[in-house]
N, C-alpha and C. Protein backbone atom coordinates (compact mmCIF):
# COMPACT_ATOMS: atom_id res chain seq x y z
N MET A 1 2.94 28.00 25.47
CA MET A 1 3.35 27.09 24.47
C MET A 1 4.38 25.93 24.78
N THR A 2 4.03 24.61 24.47
CA THR A 2 4.68 23.44 25.27
C THR A 2 6.01 23.69 24.23
N ALA A 3 6.93 22.68 24.68
CA ALA A 3 8.22 22.15 24.27
C ALA A 3 8.12 21.73 22.91
N SER A 4 7.24 21.23 23.05
CA SER A 4 6.98 19.96 21.86
C SER A 4 6.04 20.79 20.36
N ALA A 5 5.59 21.90 20.67
CA ALA A 5 4.83 22.42 19.78
C ALA A 5 5.48 24.21 19.34
N ARG A 6 6.63 24.29 18.75
CA ARG A 6 7.24 25.14 18.58
C ARG A 6 6.81 25.90 17.29
N PRO A 7 6.85 27.16 17.14
CA PRO A 7 6.94 27.42 15.64
C PRO A 7 8.03 27.61 15.27
N ILE A 8 8.11 27.45 13.80
CA ILE A 8 9.16 26.81 12.74
C ILE A 8 9.84 28.28 12.88
N THR A 9 9.66 29.31 13.42
CA THR A 9 10.61 30.44 13.25
C THR A 9 10.99 31.00 14.40
N ASP A 10 11.10 29.91 15.51
CA ASP A 10 11.77 30.70 16.61
C ASP A 10 13.17 29.71 16.95
N TYR A 11 13.95 29.56 15.85
CA TYR A 11 15.36 29.15 15.81
C TYR A 11 16.26 30.24 16.62
N SER A 12 16.02 31.61 16.13
CA SER A 12 16.90 32.17 16.78
C SER A 12 16.78 32.89 17.62
N LYS A 13 15.76 32.39 18.38
CA LYS A 13 15.69 32.82 20.13
C LYS A 13 16.10 31.61 20.87
N ARG A 14 16.60 30.66 20.57
CA ARG A 14 17.40 29.60 21.30
C ARG A 14 18.79 30.07 21.69
N SER A 15 19.16 29.67 22.74
CA SER A 15 20.27 30.29 23.86
C SER A 15 21.72 29.36 22.65
N ALA A 16 22.53 30.46 22.68
CA ALA A 16 23.82 29.87 21.87
C ALA A 16 24.46 28.96 22.55
N LYS A 17 24.48 28.63 23.81
CA LYS A 17 24.81 27.79 24.53
C LYS A 17 24.34 25.99 24.48
N THR A 18 23.32 26.03 23.77
CA THR A 18 22.47 25.13 23.13
C THR A 18 23.23 24.40 22.12
N SER A 19 23.57 22.95 22.23
CA SER A 19 24.33 22.44 21.17
C SER A 19 23.51 22.18 19.86
N THR A 20 24.07 22.38 18.69
CA THR A 20 23.40 22.61 17.33
C THR A 20 22.33 21.07 17.23
N SER A 21 22.75 20.03 17.50
CA SER A 21 21.80 18.66 17.40
C SER A 21 20.93 18.93 18.36
N ALA A 22 20.93 19.64 19.63
CA ALA A 22 19.90 19.79 20.74
C ALA A 22 18.99 20.77 20.22
N ARG A 23 19.55 21.79 19.57
CA ARG A 23 18.68 22.67 19.24
C ARG A 23 17.62 22.17 18.09
N ARG A 24 18.12 21.37 16.94
CA ARG A 24 17.50 21.10 16.07
C ARG A 24 16.20 20.19 16.47
N GLU A 25 16.66 19.19 17.50
CA GLU A 25 15.61 18.59 18.37
C GLU A 25 14.46 19.12 18.82
N LEU A 26 15.20 20.22 19.79
CA LEU A 26 14.06 21.43 20.39
C LEU A 26 12.79 21.76 19.45
N ASN A 27 13.69 22.24 18.31
CA ASN A 27 12.83 22.79 17.40
C ASN A 27 11.99 22.22 16.34
N CYS A 28 12.62 21.13 16.05
CA CYS A 28 12.07 20.37 15.12
C CYS A 28 11.16 19.11 15.46
N GLY A 29 12.26 18.49 16.45
CA GLY A 29 11.29 17.37 16.81
C GLY A 29 12.82 15.96 16.42
N VAL A 30 12.66 15.33 17.23
CA VAL A 30 13.78 14.02 16.48
C VAL A 30 14.07 13.24 15.37
N ASP A 31 12.36 13.31 14.86
CA ASP A 31 12.39 12.40 13.27
C ASP A 31 12.04 13.47 12.54
N THR A 32 13.11 14.83 12.52
CA THR A 32 12.81 15.76 11.61
C THR A 32 14.26 16.11 10.85
N LYS A 33 14.16 16.94 10.03
CA LYS A 33 15.34 17.51 9.11
C LYS A 33 15.25 18.98 9.31
N CYS A 34 15.98 19.45 10.30
CA CYS A 34 15.98 20.81 10.50
C CYS A 34 17.01 21.25 9.40
N LYS A 35 16.66 22.59 8.84
CA LYS A 35 17.48 22.89 7.83
C LYS A 35 17.58 24.50 8.39
N ASN A 36 18.78 25.00 8.51
CA ASN A 36 19.36 26.57 8.90
C ASN A 36 18.75 27.48 7.64
N THR A 37 18.52 28.61 7.97
CA THR A 37 18.59 29.98 6.99
C THR A 37 18.82 31.06 7.87
N LYS A 38 18.97 31.97 7.18
CA LYS A 38 19.28 33.39 7.42
C LYS A 38 18.25 33.51 8.64
N GLY A 39 18.67 33.53 9.89
CA GLY A 39 18.07 34.35 11.18
C GLY A 39 16.87 33.29 11.34
N SER A 40 16.71 31.92 10.95
CA SER A 40 15.46 30.96 11.61
C SER A 40 16.02 29.81 10.71
N PHE A 41 14.82 28.93 10.62
CA PHE A 41 15.34 27.59 10.41
C PHE A 41 13.99 26.89 9.78
N THR A 42 13.99 25.95 8.94
CA THR A 42 12.84 25.12 8.59
C THR A 42 12.91 24.11 8.79
N CYS A 43 11.57 23.00 9.27
CA CYS A 43 11.65 21.62 9.70
C CYS A 43 11.01 20.88 8.46
N ARG A 44 11.86 20.01 8.29
CA ARG A 44 11.20 19.09 6.92
C ARG A 44 11.22 17.31 7.83
N CYS A 45 10.01 16.76 7.17
CA CYS A 45 10.02 15.42 7.45
C CYS A 45 10.56 14.68 6.28
N PRO A 46 11.05 13.68 7.00
CA PRO A 46 12.04 12.79 5.84
C PRO A 46 10.68 12.27 4.85
N SER A 47 11.29 11.39 3.53
CA SER A 47 10.16 10.82 2.48
C SER A 47 9.46 9.80 3.60
N GLY A 48 8.27 9.90 2.86
CA GLY A 48 7.18 8.80 3.75
C GLY A 48 6.60 9.49 4.89
N TYR A 49 6.90 10.48 5.52
CA TYR A 49 6.19 11.28 6.79
C TYR A 49 5.83 12.61 6.18
N GLU A 50 4.92 13.10 7.24
CA GLU A 50 4.50 14.48 6.64
C GLU A 50 4.06 15.16 8.09
N ALA A 51 4.42 16.49 8.32
CA ALA A 51 4.34 17.34 9.29
C ALA A 51 2.98 17.16 10.01
N LYS A 52 3.03 17.29 11.21
CA LYS A 52 1.86 17.35 11.95
C LYS A 52 1.99 18.77 12.85
N LEU A 53 0.83 19.31 12.71
CA LEU A 53 0.77 20.55 13.29
C LEU A 53 0.09 20.43 14.52
N ASP A 54 -0.19 21.70 15.40
CA ASP A 54 -0.99 21.64 16.28
C ASP A 54 -2.25 22.65 15.91
N THR A 55 -2.85 22.96 16.64
CA THR A 55 -4.13 23.60 16.20
C THR A 55 -3.73 25.37 16.07
N ASN A 56 -3.01 25.49 16.15
CA ASN A 56 -1.89 26.97 15.99
C ASN A 56 -1.27 26.97 14.76
N GLY A 57 -1.13 26.04 14.32
CA GLY A 57 -0.20 25.70 12.89
C GLY A 57 1.08 25.79 13.46
N ASN A 58 1.25 25.28 14.73
CA ASN A 58 3.14 25.57 15.23
C ASN A 58 3.12 23.89 14.74
N TYR A 59 4.64 23.47 14.36
CA TYR A 59 5.07 22.02 14.09
C TYR A 59 5.27 21.39 15.30
N VAL A 60 4.48 20.34 15.26
CA VAL A 60 4.31 19.22 16.43
C VAL A 60 5.50 18.17 16.15
N ASN A 61 5.34 17.57 14.99
CA ASN A 61 6.26 16.12 14.93
C ASN A 61 5.87 15.55 13.50
N CYS A 62 6.78 14.75 13.07
CA CYS A 62 6.48 13.80 11.64
C CYS A 62 5.95 12.71 11.97
N THR A 63 4.59 12.58 11.11
CA THR A 63 3.77 11.10 11.29
C THR A 63 3.96 10.64 10.04
N ASP A 64 3.73 9.08 9.95
CA ASP A 64 3.85 8.51 8.93
C ASP A 64 2.76 8.66 7.80
N ARG A 65 3.09 9.03 6.49
CA ARG A 65 2.21 9.44 5.55
C ARG A 65 1.80 8.26 4.96
N ASN A 66 0.32 7.68 4.76
CA ASN A 66 -0.19 6.39 4.41
C ASN A 66 -0.03 6.79 2.67
N GLU A 67 1.02 6.27 1.76
CA GLU A 67 0.76 6.45 0.67
C GLU A 67 -0.12 5.69 0.04
N CYS A 68 -0.71 4.49 0.68
CA CYS A 68 -1.69 4.05 0.05
C CYS A 68 -2.94 4.71 0.02
N PHE A 69 -3.43 5.21 1.03
CA PHE A 69 -4.58 5.92 1.20
C PHE A 69 -4.87 7.30 0.10
N HIS A 70 -3.61 7.93 0.51
CA HIS A 70 -3.47 9.11 -0.57
C HIS A 70 -3.17 8.50 -2.06
N GLU A 71 -2.74 7.53 -2.59
CA GLU A 71 -2.70 6.90 -3.76
C GLU A 71 -1.43 7.37 -4.37
N GLU A 72 -0.39 7.52 -3.55
CA GLU A 72 0.90 7.70 -3.87
C GLU A 72 2.02 6.48 -4.01
N HIS A 73 1.52 5.58 -4.90
CA HIS A 73 2.38 4.23 -4.89
C HIS A 73 2.21 4.21 -6.30
N TYR A 74 3.22 2.83 -6.59
CA TYR A 74 3.12 2.69 -8.01
C TYR A 74 3.06 1.19 -8.09
N CYS A 75 1.85 0.63 -7.37
CA CYS A 75 1.45 -0.93 -7.26
C CYS A 75 0.55 -1.36 -8.39
N SER A 76 0.91 -2.12 -9.27
CA SER A 76 0.11 -2.87 -9.99
C SER A 76 -1.46 -2.73 -9.83
N LEU A 77 -2.21 -2.26 -11.05
CA LEU A 77 -3.46 -2.45 -10.48
C LEU A 77 -4.56 -4.02 -10.08
N ASN A 78 -3.47 -4.63 -10.43
CA ASN A 78 -3.77 -6.10 -9.84
C ASN A 78 -2.87 -6.56 -8.51
N ALA A 79 -2.81 -5.22 -7.58
CA ALA A 79 -2.24 -5.91 -6.23
C ALA A 79 -2.77 -4.91 -5.53
N ARG A 80 -2.18 -5.18 -4.33
CA ARG A 80 -2.82 -4.33 -3.19
C ARG A 80 -1.67 -3.71 -2.54
N CYS A 81 -2.07 -2.48 -2.02
CA CYS A 81 -0.63 -1.47 -1.38
C CYS A 81 -0.93 -1.62 0.22
N VAL A 82 -0.03 -1.94 0.83
CA VAL A 82 0.12 -2.22 2.17
C VAL A 82 1.31 -0.83 2.68
N ASN A 83 0.68 -0.27 3.51
CA ASN A 83 1.13 1.02 4.15
C ASN A 83 2.39 0.65 5.24
N THR A 84 3.54 0.63 5.31
CA THR A 84 4.17 0.43 6.30
C THR A 84 4.97 1.79 6.99
N ILE A 85 5.54 1.98 7.75
CA ILE A 85 5.88 3.05 8.77
C ILE A 85 7.37 3.70 7.66
N GLY A 86 6.84 4.67 7.29
CA GLY A 86 7.45 5.35 6.36
C GLY A 86 7.69 5.21 4.87
N SER A 87 6.85 4.17 4.68
CA SER A 87 7.07 3.87 3.33
C SER A 87 5.84 3.11 2.86
N PHE A 88 5.82 1.55 1.77
CA PHE A 88 4.56 0.96 1.60
C PHE A 88 5.19 -0.35 1.00
N SER A 89 4.30 -1.29 0.72
CA SER A 89 4.88 -2.29 -0.39
C SER A 89 3.64 -2.53 -0.94
N CYS A 90 4.11 -3.64 -1.92
CA CYS A 90 2.79 -3.83 -2.80
C CYS A 90 2.86 -5.26 -2.93
N GLU A 91 1.58 -5.89 -2.88
CA GLU A 91 1.37 -7.47 -2.95
C GLU A 91 0.45 -7.72 -4.02
N CYS A 92 0.48 -8.48 -5.22
CA CYS A 92 -0.18 -9.09 -6.11
C CYS A 92 -1.41 -10.00 -5.19
N VAL A 93 -2.50 -9.46 -5.77
CA VAL A 93 -4.01 -10.03 -5.30
C VAL A 93 -3.96 -11.43 -5.62
N GLU A 94 -4.98 -12.38 -4.97
CA GLU A 94 -5.19 -13.72 -5.33
C GLU A 94 -5.12 -13.74 -7.06
N GLY A 95 -4.51 -15.04 -7.32
CA GLY A 95 -4.82 -15.33 -9.19
C GLY A 95 -4.01 -14.41 -9.72
N PHE A 96 -2.81 -13.79 -9.15
CA PHE A 96 -1.88 -12.92 -9.70
C PHE A 96 -0.57 -13.17 -9.03
N VAL A 97 0.56 -13.40 -10.12
CA VAL A 97 1.80 -13.33 -9.35
C VAL A 97 2.62 -12.20 -9.94
N GLY A 98 3.60 -12.03 -9.23
CA GLY A 98 4.67 -11.00 -9.41
C GLY A 98 5.22 -9.97 -8.37
N ASN A 99 5.86 -8.93 -8.23
CA ASN A 99 6.59 -8.10 -7.24
C ASN A 99 5.66 -7.31 -6.71
N GLY A 100 4.38 -7.13 -7.41
CA GLY A 100 3.54 -6.14 -6.74
C GLY A 100 3.50 -4.75 -7.50
N ARG A 101 4.20 -4.74 -8.26
CA ARG A 101 4.46 -3.61 -9.21
C ARG A 101 4.19 -3.93 -10.85
N ASN A 102 4.55 -5.06 -10.79
CA ASN A 102 3.90 -5.91 -12.00
C ASN A 102 3.53 -7.19 -11.57
N CYS A 103 2.14 -7.44 -11.91
CA CYS A 103 1.21 -8.74 -11.64
C CYS A 103 0.96 -9.48 -12.69
N GLU A 104 1.20 -10.57 -12.93
CA GLU A 104 0.72 -11.37 -14.31
C GLU A 104 -0.25 -12.52 -13.67
N ASP A 105 -1.25 -12.53 -14.66
CA ASP A 105 -2.61 -13.54 -14.45
C ASP A 105 -2.02 -14.72 -14.16
N VAL A 106 -2.41 -15.85 -13.32
CA VAL A 106 -1.77 -16.94 -12.96
C VAL A 106 -2.72 -17.67 -13.91
N ASP A 107 -2.37 -18.90 -14.62
CA ASP A 107 -3.36 -19.46 -15.54
C ASP A 107 -3.56 -20.93 -14.80
N GLU A 108 -4.72 -20.68 -14.07
CA GLU A 108 -4.74 -21.92 -13.05
C GLU A 108 -5.03 -23.53 -13.92
N CYS A 109 -5.32 -23.02 -15.38
CA CYS A 109 -5.87 -24.46 -15.95
C CYS A 109 -4.37 -25.02 -16.53
N VAL A 110 -3.35 -24.69 -16.59
CA VAL A 110 -1.97 -25.13 -16.58
C VAL A 110 -1.69 -26.36 -15.76
N GLY A 111 -1.27 -27.27 -16.29
CA GLY A 111 -1.20 -28.17 -15.29
C GLY A 111 -1.99 -28.88 -14.63
N GLY A 112 -3.15 -28.54 -14.71
CA GLY A 112 -4.38 -29.56 -13.86
C GLY A 112 -4.79 -28.80 -12.95
N ARG A 113 -4.07 -27.70 -12.30
CA ARG A 113 -4.75 -27.01 -11.21
C ARG A 113 -5.91 -26.36 -11.02
N GLY A 114 -6.67 -26.42 -12.45
CA GLY A 114 -8.14 -26.17 -11.87
C GLY A 114 -9.15 -26.93 -11.45
N GLU A 115 -8.67 -28.18 -11.25
CA GLU A 115 -9.51 -29.38 -10.69
C GLU A 115 -10.77 -29.40 -11.56
N CYS A 116 -11.05 -28.92 -12.57
CA CYS A 116 -12.22 -29.27 -13.47
C CYS A 116 -12.55 -30.70 -13.77
N ASP A 117 -13.35 -31.28 -14.00
CA ASP A 117 -13.64 -32.69 -14.81
C ASP A 117 -13.32 -32.99 -16.01
N GLN A 118 -13.67 -31.92 -16.69
CA GLN A 118 -13.38 -31.87 -18.30
C GLN A 118 -12.82 -30.64 -18.78
N ARG A 119 -13.14 -29.71 -18.87
CA ARG A 119 -12.45 -28.43 -19.45
C ARG A 119 -12.46 -27.40 -18.29
N CYS A 120 -11.40 -26.56 -18.40
CA CYS A 120 -10.86 -25.49 -17.27
C CYS A 120 -10.68 -24.66 -18.07
N VAL A 121 -11.36 -23.25 -17.88
CA VAL A 121 -11.41 -22.06 -18.74
C VAL A 121 -10.72 -20.86 -17.71
N ASN A 122 -9.71 -20.63 -18.41
CA ASN A 122 -8.91 -19.48 -17.46
C ASN A 122 -9.74 -18.05 -17.73
N THR A 123 -9.55 -17.47 -16.46
CA THR A 123 -10.45 -15.95 -16.58
C THR A 123 -9.36 -15.19 -15.99
N VAL A 124 -9.60 -14.04 -16.13
CA VAL A 124 -8.33 -12.98 -15.71
C VAL A 124 -8.56 -13.16 -14.11
N GLY A 125 -7.52 -13.75 -13.27
CA GLY A 125 -7.52 -13.49 -12.13
C GLY A 125 -8.41 -14.91 -11.64
N SER A 126 -8.52 -15.68 -12.43
CA SER A 126 -9.34 -16.88 -11.88
C SER A 126 -9.41 -17.88 -12.70
N TYR A 127 -10.58 -18.65 -12.82
CA TYR A 127 -11.00 -19.93 -13.61
C TYR A 127 -12.38 -20.40 -13.49
N HIS A 128 -13.24 -20.78 -14.55
CA HIS A 128 -14.13 -21.75 -14.26
C HIS A 128 -14.40 -22.95 -14.95
N CYS A 129 -14.85 -24.07 -14.73
CA CYS A 129 -15.05 -25.23 -15.36
C CYS A 129 -16.49 -25.21 -16.28
N ALA A 130 -15.52 -26.21 -17.39
CA ALA A 130 -17.06 -26.15 -18.44
C ALA A 130 -16.85 -27.51 -18.76
N CYS A 131 -18.17 -28.11 -19.54
CA CYS A 131 -18.50 -29.43 -19.63
C CYS A 131 -18.41 -29.77 -21.07
N HIS A 132 -17.95 -30.65 -21.91
CA HIS A 132 -18.15 -31.11 -23.21
C HIS A 132 -19.54 -31.21 -23.55
N PRO A 133 -20.10 -31.27 -24.62
CA PRO A 133 -21.48 -30.94 -25.51
C PRO A 133 -21.91 -32.46 -24.75
N GLY A 134 -23.31 -32.72 -24.42
CA GLY A 134 -23.72 -33.89 -23.55
C GLY A 134 -23.68 -33.94 -22.11
N TYR A 135 -22.96 -32.87 -22.07
CA TYR A 135 -22.56 -32.89 -20.43
C TYR A 135 -23.18 -31.67 -19.64
N GLU A 136 -23.55 -31.78 -18.56
CA GLU A 136 -23.47 -30.27 -17.74
C GLU A 136 -22.76 -30.37 -16.39
N LEU A 137 -22.82 -28.94 -15.92
CA LEU A 137 -22.05 -28.90 -14.94
C LEU A 137 -22.64 -28.86 -13.53
N LEU A 138 -22.16 -30.07 -12.54
CA LEU A 138 -22.99 -29.78 -11.26
C LEU A 138 -21.99 -29.46 -10.10
N GLY A 139 -22.48 -28.59 -9.61
CA GLY A 139 -21.27 -27.73 -8.88
C GLY A 139 -20.43 -26.68 -9.20
N ASP A 140 -19.24 -26.94 -9.10
CA ASP A 140 -18.52 -26.06 -9.59
C ASP A 140 -17.34 -26.67 -10.39
N VAL A 141 -17.06 -27.95 -10.03
CA VAL A 141 -15.93 -28.66 -10.89
C VAL A 141 -16.55 -30.20 -11.73
N SER A 142 -17.71 -30.60 -11.08
CA SER A 142 -18.22 -32.07 -11.84
C SER A 142 -19.10 -32.00 -13.36
N CYS A 143 -18.88 -32.66 -14.15
CA CYS A 143 -19.73 -32.58 -15.17
C CYS A 143 -20.62 -34.26 -15.21
N VAL A 144 -21.69 -33.96 -15.32
CA VAL A 144 -22.76 -35.10 -15.35
C VAL A 144 -22.97 -35.44 -16.84
N ASP A 145 -23.44 -36.39 -17.18
CA ASP A 145 -23.95 -36.70 -18.52
C ASP A 145 -25.69 -36.75 -18.55
N ILE A 146 -25.72 -35.97 -19.45
CA ILE A 146 -27.47 -35.47 -19.76
C ILE A 146 -28.08 -36.35 -20.32
N ASP A 147 -29.06 -36.95 -19.66
CA ASP A 147 -30.04 -37.96 -20.29
C ASP A 147 -30.76 -37.32 -21.46
N GLU A 148 -30.51 -37.34 -22.82
CA GLU A 148 -31.29 -36.71 -23.79
C GLU A 148 -32.36 -37.31 -24.27
N CYS A 149 -32.72 -38.69 -23.63
CA CYS A 149 -33.70 -39.65 -24.10
C CYS A 149 -34.46 -38.94 -23.15
N PHE A 150 -34.87 -38.47 -21.94
CA PHE A 150 -35.36 -37.89 -20.91
C PHE A 150 -35.77 -36.30 -21.22
N LYS A 151 -37.01 -35.88 -21.89
CA LYS A 151 -36.98 -34.45 -22.01
C LYS A 151 -37.58 -33.76 -20.36
N ARG A 152 -37.00 -33.12 -20.38
CA ARG A 152 -37.70 -32.12 -18.93
C ARG A 152 -38.94 -31.44 -19.32
């Protein structure tokens, strides 16, 4: 058995001459919380981490838990979860603004931000352009006059 892969129950087998902090590090690892129990101990990972065990089920260390992958976050439905070491953050997706927990639709049509020739129609997370009667949309933003005298 290697020094980094110790069973959770071998605390009582350590030498009394080893300091408490050194015993905790040897038994549980540097990135864990070691809790003394009667005749033994338990290793706990800090929030945002999970225990990594070897093939025999012995404790090895704590690794980052991807809260985004496990859907253990509180991001808005209109946000993207970004995993960070020991935690996560939320970022509103394009077309929305906010703190990531709450994301509000941006009205791209307010203040002419939509760049439409005639009419801007706000949609959830985006917008599209429309034309007045007698005109048709050419591309995404331009309106051209329809020649009603010329029948197609």
